[in-house]
Protein backbone atom coordinates (compact mmCIF):
# COMPACT_ATOMS: atom_id res chain seq x y z
CA MET A 1 4.21 11.86 2.91
CA PRO A 2 7.77 10.57 -0.24
CA PHE A 3 8.65 7.24 1.56
CA GLU A 4 11.74 4.59 0.86
CA ALA A 5 11.97 1.23 1.88
CA VAL A 6 14.48 -1.68 1.52
CA ILE A 7 11.98 -4.43 0.79
CA GLY A 8 14.63 -7.72 0.03
CA GLY A 9 16.88 -5.24 -0.62
CA VAL A 10 15.51 -3.68 -3.40
CA LEU A 11 14.88 0.14 -2.77
CA VAL A 12 11.47 1.28 -3.59
CA ARG A 13 10.53 4.94 -2.93
CA GLY A 14 7.13 6.08 -3.28
CA ARG A 15 4.18 9.03 -1.51
CA ILE A 16 1.99 8.88 0.34
CA ASP A 17 -1.64 10.77 -0.62
CA ALA A 18 -3.26 10.20 3.12
CA VAL A 19 -3.25 8.32 6.16
CA TYR A 20 -6.03 8.02 8.52
CA GLU A 21 -5.80 6.52 11.84
CA ILE A 22 -8.80 4.60 13.11
CA ASN A 23 -9.34 2.98 16.67
CA GLY A 24 -5.42 2.36 16.77
CA ARG A 25 -5.47 0.86 13.32
CA PHE A 26 -4.09 2.76 9.88
CA GLU A 27 -5.49 3.42 6.75
CA VAL A 28 -3.41 4.72 3.87
CA ILE A 29 -5.39 6.04 0.87
CA ASP A 30 -3.75 6.49 -2.54
CA TRP A 31 -5.92 8.83 -4.57
CA LYS A 32 -6.68 7.76 -8.20
CA THR A 33 -7.77 10.90 -10.53
CA GLY A 34 -8.94 8.72 -13.64
CA SER A 35 -12.16 7.69 -13.58
CA SER A 36 -11.14 3.37 -14.64
CA LYS A 37 -10.61 1.35 -11.70
CA LEU A 38 -7.01 0.16 -11.90
CA GLY A 39 -6.25 -4.11 -11.94
CA GLU A 40 -5.31 -6.35 -9.40
CA SER A 41 -2.04 -5.75 -10.69
CA SER A 42 -1.66 -2.04 -9.02
CA ALA A 43 -2.56 -3.94 -5.36
CA VAL A 44 0.98 -4.46 -5.31
CA GLN A 45 1.35 -0.89 -5.03
CA LEU A 46 -1.27 -0.85 -1.70
CA ALA A 47 1.08 -3.13 -0.24
CA VAL A 48 4.25 -1.98 -0.85
CA TYR A 49 2.82 1.74 1.06
CA ARG A 50 1.58 -0.47 3.72
CA LEU A 51 4.85 -2.69 4.46
CA ALA A 52 6.60 1.25 4.02
CA TRP A 53 3.72 2.46 6.95
CA ALA A 54 3.77 -0.11 9.38
CA ASN A 55 7.81 0.33 8.78
CA LEU A 56 8.07 3.89 9.74
CA LYS A 57 5.96 3.64 12.21
CA GLY A 58 7.45 0.54 13.76
CA ILE A 59 4.10 -1.37 13.66
CA ASP A 60 3.26 -5.14 12.98
CA PRO A 61 1.58 -4.98 9.11
CA THR A 62 -2.13 -6.45 10.61
CA GLN A 63 -2.91 -3.30 11.35
CA VAL A 64 -1.87 -1.03 9.23
CA SER A 65 -4.90 -1.32 5.83
CA ALA A 66 -4.89 -0.32 2.24
CA ALA A 67 -6.95 1.35 -0.44
CA PHE A 68 -7.80 3.24 -3.36
CA HIS A 69 -10.31 6.04 -3.24
CA TYR A 70 -10.99 7.54 -7.02
CA VAL A 71 -12.77 11.35 -6.31
CA PRO A 72 -14.73 11.42 -9.66
CA SER A 73 -16.98 8.91 -8.76
CA GLY A 74 -16.39 9.15 -4.74
CA GLU A 75 -15.94 5.69 -4.48
CA THR A 76 -13.61 3.22 -2.45
CA ASP A 77 -11.48 -0.23 -3.29
CA ARG A 78 -9.96 -1.42 -0.15
CA PRO A 79 -7.82 -5.06 -2.20
CA ALA A 80 -8.42 -7.94 1.02
CA ASP A 81 -5.54 -9.33 0.19
CA LEU A 82 -2.91 -7.31 0.20
CA LEU A 83 1.23 -9.50 -0.51
CA SER A 84 2.52 -9.90 2.64
CA TYR A 85 6.18 -8.67 3.23
CA ASP A 86 7.38 -12.77 2.17
CA GLN A 87 5.22 -12.50 -0.78
CA LEU A 88 6.95 -8.54 -2.02
CA VAL A 89 10.22 -9.64 -1.57
CA ASN A 90 9.43 -13.14 -4.17
CA LEU A 91 8.01 -10.63 -7.12
CA LEU A 92 10.77 -8.03 -6.58
CA SER A 93 13.10 -10.72 -6.89
CA GLY A 94 11.95 -12.40 -9.41
CA SER A 95 11.03 -15.63 -6.75
CA ASN A 96 8.49 -17.66 -7.60
């Protein structure tokens, strides 16, 4: 599902691979076909996807989790500390 989201005045575009609803909460999944796990900096992508889905559905981002699913190994990586909206704004604007 392609999306556009404005975060701190910056237009961000992306594509959400899958979303599952579990007990009234949502989990955004980004399928990865490579065998190498991504570093922590890649979790920024998941934070953006999480906020984009929350905005699309008009729900609180705390009701949305996000994960990478590595297709070759079948492993799912759910980073514990995704950036908040304010943290993403600071990152995108270059503020510390």
